[in-house]
Amino acid sequence: MSVHSVVTGNVGSVRLGKGGDTPVLNFSIASRHWNGKEEQTEWVEVALWGARATKLANLVAKGSRVAARGSMTLRTYEHNGEKRTQMTLKADDVDLLGKPNETPAPGPVKAAPASERDIDSLGF
């Protein structure tokens, strides 16, 4: 099953590799939410393919604030006898919202100027 989703949060790990001959950027996003009693963090794995992956790899680092849009898939697997579920977003688009270690302003998050956040403006 695939669902179109938007995930906003801070980048964790970043890995640029290849899927066959195609570059693929894999990174994680920590997305925080309030469950009524406490703040919880959910980690979502993101995969971005092609030339966009190579260009974005030079722009994001651990701690960068991003918004990624694409198709969400859930994968259930077993690790050491324990059932686990992994959320993966196959990204169609990624916006840069802030630099690593940049403290967001209180209230609504203000996006960086389009020249810094709009990956489409990079010419690919």
N, C-alpha and C. Protein backbone atom coordinates (compact mmCIF):
# COMPACT_ATOMS: atom_id res chain seq x y z
N MET A 1 0.84 -1.17 0.00
CA MET A 1 0.00 0.00 0.00
C MET A 1 0.89 1.24 0.00
N SER A 2 0.51 2.25 -0.72
CA SER A 2 1.27 3.48 -0.82
C SER A 2 0.34 4.67 -0.59
N VAL A 3 0.77 5.62 0.22
CA VAL A 3 -0.02 6.78 0.55
C VAL A 3 0.83 8.02 0.32
N HIS A 4 0.27 9.05 -0.34
CA HIS A 4 1.01 10.29 -0.55
C HIS A 4 1.07 11.05 0.77
N SER A 5 2.27 11.45 1.18
CA SER A 5 2.47 12.06 2.50
C SER A 5 3.47 13.20 2.44
N VAL A 6 3.42 14.04 3.48
CA VAL A 6 4.41 15.08 3.70
C VAL A 6 4.97 14.86 5.10
N VAL A 7 6.29 14.82 5.20
CA VAL A 7 6.96 14.64 6.49
C VAL A 7 7.88 15.83 6.71
N THR A 8 7.73 16.49 7.85
CA THR A 8 8.56 17.63 8.20
C THR A 8 9.30 17.32 9.48
N GLY A 9 10.59 17.65 9.51
CA GLY A 9 11.37 17.42 10.72
C GLY A 9 12.84 17.67 10.48
N ASN A 10 13.65 17.15 11.38
CA ASN A 10 15.10 17.32 11.30
C ASN A 10 15.76 16.07 10.74
N VAL A 11 16.75 16.27 9.90
CA VAL A 11 17.47 15.16 9.28
C VAL A 11 18.36 14.48 10.31
N GLY A 12 18.34 13.16 10.28
CA GLY A 12 19.24 12.36 11.12
C GLY A 12 20.44 11.97 10.27
N SER A 13 20.51 10.70 9.91
CA SER A 13 21.62 10.21 9.10
C SER A 13 21.39 10.53 7.63
N VAL A 14 22.50 10.67 6.88
CA VAL A 14 22.45 10.94 5.44
C VAL A 14 23.44 10.01 4.75
N ARG A 15 22.96 9.28 3.72
CA ARG A 15 23.81 8.36 2.97
C ARG A 15 23.53 8.50 1.47
N LEU A 16 24.56 8.77 0.69
CA LEU A 16 24.42 8.82 -0.76
C LEU A 16 25.02 7.54 -1.33
N GLY A 17 24.24 6.83 -2.11
CA GLY A 17 24.73 5.58 -2.70
C GLY A 17 24.16 5.43 -4.10
N LYS A 18 24.10 4.18 -4.57
CA LYS A 18 23.58 3.91 -5.90
C LYS A 18 22.59 2.76 -5.82
N GLY A 19 21.53 2.90 -6.60
CA GLY A 19 20.58 1.82 -6.82
C GLY A 19 20.77 1.38 -8.25
N GLY A 20 21.68 0.43 -8.47
CA GLY A 20 22.11 0.10 -9.83
C GLY A 20 23.00 1.22 -10.31
N ASP A 21 22.65 1.86 -11.43
CA ASP A 21 23.42 2.99 -11.95
C ASP A 21 22.85 4.34 -11.53
N THR A 22 21.77 4.33 -10.76
CA THR A 22 21.08 5.57 -10.39
C THR A 22 21.48 6.01 -8.98
N PRO A 23 21.88 7.28 -8.80
CA PRO A 23 22.19 7.76 -7.46
C PRO A 23 20.93 7.75 -6.59
N VAL A 24 21.10 7.39 -5.33
CA VAL A 24 19.99 7.41 -4.38
C VAL A 24 20.48 8.01 -3.07
N LEU A 25 19.74 8.98 -2.56
CA LEU A 25 20.05 9.59 -1.28
C LEU A 25 19.07 9.04 -0.26
N ASN A 26 19.59 8.39 0.76
CA ASN A 26 18.78 7.88 1.86
C ASN A 26 19.08 8.72 3.08
N PHE A 27 18.03 9.23 3.71
CA PHE A 27 18.21 9.97 4.94
C PHE A 27 17.00 9.75 5.84
N SER A 28 17.18 10.02 7.10
CA SER A 28 16.08 9.86 8.05
C SER A 28 15.61 11.23 8.50
N ILE A 29 14.31 11.31 8.81
CA ILE A 29 13.72 12.54 9.35
C ILE A 29 13.09 12.20 10.69
N ALA A 30 13.45 12.99 11.70
CA ALA A 30 12.82 12.86 13.02
C ALA A 30 11.64 13.81 13.06
N SER A 31 10.47 13.27 13.21
CA SER A 31 9.25 14.08 13.26
C SER A 31 8.66 13.96 14.66
N ARG A 32 8.52 15.10 15.34
CA ARG A 32 8.02 15.11 16.72
C ARG A 32 6.53 15.43 16.74
N HIS A 33 5.85 14.80 17.68
CA HIS A 33 4.43 15.10 17.88
C HIS A 33 4.07 14.87 19.34
N TRP A 34 2.95 15.42 19.73
CA TRP A 34 2.46 15.33 21.11
C TRP A 34 1.36 14.30 21.14
N ASN A 35 1.45 13.32 22.04
CA ASN A 35 0.42 12.28 22.12
C ASN A 35 -0.61 12.55 23.21
N GLY A 36 -0.59 13.74 23.80
CA GLY A 36 -1.51 14.09 24.86
C GLY A 36 -0.89 14.03 26.24
N LYS A 37 0.17 13.23 26.37
CA LYS A 37 0.86 13.09 27.65
C LYS A 37 2.32 13.53 27.55
N GLU A 38 2.93 13.26 26.41
CA GLU A 38 4.35 13.57 26.24
C GLU A 38 4.68 13.73 24.76
N GLU A 39 5.82 14.33 24.52
CA GLU A 39 6.30 14.48 23.15
C GLU A 39 6.93 13.16 22.71
N GLN A 40 6.62 12.73 21.50
CA GLN A 40 7.20 11.52 20.94
C GLN A 40 7.89 11.85 19.62
N THR A 41 8.91 11.08 19.30
CA THR A 41 9.63 11.26 18.04
C THR A 41 9.46 10.00 17.20
N GLU A 42 9.03 10.18 15.97
CA GLU A 42 8.92 9.09 15.00
C GLU A 42 9.98 9.31 13.93
N TRP A 43 10.68 8.25 13.56
CA TRP A 43 11.70 8.33 12.52
C TRP A 43 11.14 7.78 11.22
N VAL A 44 11.32 8.54 10.15
CA VAL A 44 10.87 8.12 8.82
C VAL A 44 12.09 8.09 7.91
N GLU A 45 12.27 6.98 7.24
CA GLU A 45 13.35 6.87 6.25
C GLU A 45 12.87 7.47 4.94
N VAL A 46 13.76 8.21 4.26
CA VAL A 46 13.41 8.87 3.00
C VAL A 46 14.40 8.43 1.93
N ALA A 47 13.89 8.16 0.73
CA ALA A 47 14.74 7.82 -0.41
C ALA A 47 14.43 8.79 -1.54
N LEU A 48 15.46 9.44 -2.07
CA LEU A 48 15.34 10.36 -3.21
C LEU A 48 16.27 9.85 -4.29
N TRP A 49 15.77 9.67 -5.50
CA TRP A 49 16.52 9.05 -6.59
C TRP A 49 16.93 10.06 -7.66
N GLY A 50 17.99 9.72 -8.40
CA GLY A 50 18.40 10.46 -9.59
C GLY A 50 19.31 11.64 -9.29
N ALA A 51 19.37 12.56 -10.26
CA ALA A 51 20.26 13.72 -10.17
C ALA A 51 19.90 14.59 -8.97
N ARG A 52 18.61 14.63 -8.62
CA ARG A 52 18.20 15.41 -7.45
C ARG A 52 18.86 14.89 -6.19
N ALA A 53 19.07 13.59 -6.11
CA ALA A 53 19.71 12.99 -4.93
C ALA A 53 21.13 13.51 -4.77
N THR A 54 21.87 13.57 -5.86
CA THR A 54 23.25 14.05 -5.81
C THR A 54 23.31 15.51 -5.39
N LYS A 55 22.43 16.34 -5.93
CA LYS A 55 22.44 17.76 -5.58
C LYS A 55 22.01 18.00 -4.14
N LEU A 56 20.97 17.28 -3.69
CA LEU A 56 20.51 17.47 -2.33
C LEU A 56 21.53 16.98 -1.31
N ALA A 57 22.30 15.96 -1.68
CA ALA A 57 23.32 15.43 -0.76
C ALA A 57 24.32 16.50 -0.36
N ASN A 58 24.56 17.47 -1.23
CA ASN A 58 25.50 18.56 -0.93
C ASN A 58 24.87 19.66 -0.09
N LEU A 59 23.55 19.61 0.12
CA LEU A 59 22.85 20.68 0.82
C LEU A 59 22.35 20.29 2.21
N VAL A 60 22.09 19.02 2.44
CA VAL A 60 21.55 18.61 3.74
C VAL A 60 22.63 17.96 4.60
N ALA A 61 22.46 18.12 5.88
CA ALA A 61 23.36 17.51 6.87
C ALA A 61 22.53 17.17 8.09
N LYS A 62 23.09 16.39 8.96
CA LYS A 62 22.40 16.04 10.20
C LYS A 62 21.96 17.34 10.89
N GLY A 63 20.68 17.39 11.26
CA GLY A 63 20.14 18.57 11.91
C GLY A 63 19.41 19.53 10.99
N SER A 64 19.59 19.41 9.67
CA SER A 64 18.87 20.27 8.74
C SER A 64 17.37 20.04 8.89
N ARG A 65 16.60 21.11 8.79
CA ARG A 65 15.13 20.99 8.86
C ARG A 65 14.62 20.92 7.43
N VAL A 66 13.82 19.87 7.14
CA VAL A 66 13.33 19.64 5.79
C VAL A 66 11.85 19.26 5.80
N ALA A 67 11.23 19.41 4.64
CA ALA A 67 9.89 18.88 4.39
C ALA A 67 10.02 18.02 3.13
N ALA A 68 9.64 16.76 3.24
CA ALA A 68 9.72 15.83 2.12
C ALA A 68 8.32 15.36 1.75
N ARG A 69 8.02 15.32 0.44
CA ARG A 69 6.73 14.87 -0.05
C ARG A 69 6.93 13.69 -1.00
N GLY A 70 6.02 12.73 -0.89
CA GLY A 70 6.11 11.58 -1.77
C GLY A 70 5.19 10.46 -1.33
N SER A 71 5.49 9.25 -1.76
CA SER A 71 4.68 8.08 -1.45
C SER A 71 5.24 7.35 -0.23
N MET A 72 4.39 7.17 0.77
CA MET A 72 4.79 6.50 2.01
C MET A 72 4.46 5.01 1.90
N THR A 73 5.41 4.19 2.31
CA THR A 73 5.17 2.76 2.36
C THR A 73 5.55 2.26 3.75
N LEU A 74 4.88 1.21 4.19
CA LEU A 74 5.20 0.56 5.45
C LEU A 74 5.72 -0.83 5.17
N ARG A 75 6.80 -1.20 5.85
CA ARG A 75 7.38 -2.52 5.69
C ARG A 75 7.49 -3.14 7.07
N THR A 76 6.94 -4.34 7.22
CA THR A 76 7.04 -5.07 8.48
C THR A 76 8.08 -6.16 8.30
N TYR A 77 8.95 -6.29 9.29
CA TYR A 77 10.00 -7.31 9.24
C TYR A 77 10.28 -7.79 10.65
N GLU A 78 11.07 -8.84 10.75
CA GLU A 78 11.41 -9.39 12.05
C GLU A 78 12.91 -9.24 12.28
N HIS A 79 13.28 -8.77 13.48
CA HIS A 79 14.69 -8.59 13.85
C HIS A 79 14.88 -9.18 15.24
N ASN A 80 15.72 -10.20 15.33
CA ASN A 80 15.97 -10.89 16.60
C ASN A 80 14.67 -11.34 17.26
N GLY A 81 13.75 -11.88 16.46
CA GLY A 81 12.49 -12.39 16.98
C GLY A 81 11.46 -11.33 17.30
N GLU A 82 11.77 -10.06 17.06
CA GLU A 82 10.85 -8.97 17.35
C GLU A 82 10.30 -8.39 16.05
N LYS A 83 8.95 -8.26 15.97
CA LYS A 83 8.34 -7.66 14.79
C LYS A 83 8.56 -6.16 14.82
N ARG A 84 8.95 -5.60 13.68
CA ARG A 84 9.18 -4.16 13.56
C ARG A 84 8.52 -3.64 12.30
N THR A 85 8.21 -2.36 12.31
CA THR A 85 7.63 -1.70 11.15
C THR A 85 8.48 -0.49 10.80
N GLN A 86 8.80 -0.35 9.52
CA GLN A 86 9.60 0.78 9.07
C GLN A 86 8.78 1.58 8.06
N MET A 87 8.71 2.91 8.28
CA MET A 87 8.07 3.80 7.34
C MET A 87 9.13 4.34 6.39
N THR A 88 8.88 4.26 5.10
CA THR A 88 9.81 4.80 4.11
C THR A 88 9.03 5.70 3.16
N LEU A 89 9.58 6.88 2.92
CA LEU A 89 8.97 7.84 1.99
C LEU A 89 9.83 7.88 0.73
N LYS A 90 9.24 7.51 -0.41
CA LYS A 90 9.92 7.67 -1.70
C LYS A 90 9.63 9.09 -2.13
N ALA A 91 10.62 9.98 -1.96
CA ALA A 91 10.41 11.41 -2.12
C ALA A 91 10.29 11.83 -3.58
N ASP A 92 9.29 12.67 -3.82
CA ASP A 92 9.15 13.34 -5.11
C ASP A 92 9.73 14.74 -5.04
N ASP A 93 9.72 15.32 -3.82
CA ASP A 93 10.15 16.70 -3.63
C ASP A 93 10.64 16.88 -2.21
N VAL A 94 11.69 17.67 -2.04
CA VAL A 94 12.23 17.99 -0.71
C VAL A 94 12.49 19.48 -0.64
N ASP A 95 11.97 20.13 0.40
CA ASP A 95 12.23 21.55 0.63
C ASP A 95 13.15 21.70 1.83
N LEU A 96 14.15 22.56 1.72
CA LEU A 96 15.03 22.87 2.85
C LEU A 96 14.39 23.98 3.65
N LEU A 97 14.18 23.75 4.95
CA LEU A 97 13.50 24.72 5.81
C LEU A 97 14.43 25.41 6.78
N GLY A 98 15.60 24.85 7.02
CA GLY A 98 16.54 25.45 7.96
C GLY A 98 17.85 24.71 7.95
N LYS A 99 18.87 25.39 8.42
CA LYS A 99 20.22 24.83 8.45
C LYS A 99 20.43 24.05 9.74
N PRO A 100 21.45 23.16 9.79
CA PRO A 100 21.72 22.42 11.02
C PRO A 100 21.96 23.36 12.19
N ASN A 101 21.46 22.96 13.35
CA ASN A 101 21.63 23.68 14.61
C ASN A 101 20.99 25.06 14.62
N GLU A 102 20.13 25.35 13.67
CA GLU A 102 19.41 26.61 13.64
C GLU A 102 18.18 26.45 14.53
N THR A 103 18.03 27.30 15.52
CA THR A 103 16.90 27.22 16.43
C THR A 103 15.68 27.84 15.76
N PRO A 104 14.60 27.04 15.62
CA PRO A 104 13.42 27.62 15.00
C PRO A 104 12.79 28.69 15.88
N ALA A 105 12.20 29.68 15.25
CA ALA A 105 11.52 30.74 15.98
C ALA A 105 10.27 30.17 16.64
N PRO A 106 9.84 30.73 17.78
CA PRO A 106 8.61 30.25 18.39
C PRO A 106 7.43 30.48 17.45
N GLY A 107 6.43 29.64 17.57
CA GLY A 107 5.26 29.77 16.71
C GLY A 107 5.46 29.02 15.41
N PRO A 108 4.75 29.42 14.35
CA PRO A 108 4.85 28.71 13.08
C PRO A 108 6.28 28.77 12.54
N VAL A 109 6.69 27.67 11.92
CA VAL A 109 8.02 27.62 11.32
C VAL A 109 8.02 28.45 10.06
N LYS A 110 8.97 29.35 9.95
CA LYS A 110 9.09 30.18 8.75
C LYS A 110 10.12 29.54 7.83
N ALA A 111 9.74 29.32 6.60
CA ALA A 111 10.64 28.70 5.64
C ALA A 111 11.74 29.67 5.24
N ALA A 112 12.87 29.11 4.88
CA ALA A 112 13.98 29.91 4.38
C ALA A 112 13.58 30.52 3.04
N PRO A 113 14.29 31.55 2.59
CA PRO A 113 13.99 32.11 1.27
C PRO A 113 14.01 31.04 0.20
N ALA A 114 13.21 31.20 -0.82
CA ALA A 114 13.08 30.19 -1.87
C ALA A 114 14.43 29.79 -2.44
N SER A 115 15.37 30.71 -2.53
CA SER A 115 16.68 30.38 -3.11
C SER A 115 17.41 29.33 -2.28
N GLU A 116 17.10 29.23 -0.97
CA GLU A 116 17.76 28.25 -0.12
C GLU A 116 16.96 26.97 0.04
N ARG A 117 15.64 27.03 -0.10
CA ARG A 117 14.84 25.87 0.23
C ARG A 117 14.25 25.13 -0.97
N ASP A 118 14.13 25.78 -2.10
CA ASP A 118 13.43 25.18 -3.22
C ASP A 118 14.41 24.42 -4.09
N ILE A 119 14.42 23.13 -3.96
CA ILE A 119 15.37 22.29 -4.69
C ILE A 119 15.13 22.39 -6.19
N ASP A 120 13.88 22.71 -6.59
CA ASP A 120 13.60 22.85 -8.02
C ASP A 120 14.33 24.03 -8.64
N SER A 121 14.68 25.02 -7.83
CA SER A 121 15.38 26.19 -8.36
C SER A 121 16.84 25.88 -8.67
N LEU A 122 17.27 24.66 -8.33
CA LEU A 122 18.68 24.29 -8.57
C LEU A 122 18.91 23.87 -10.02
N GLY A 123 17.86 23.80 -10.80
CA GLY A 123 18.04 23.55 -12.23
C GLY A 123 18.11 22.11 -12.63
N PHE A 124 17.39 21.25 -11.96
CA PHE A 124 17.33 19.87 -12.42
C PHE A 124 15.92 19.38 -12.42
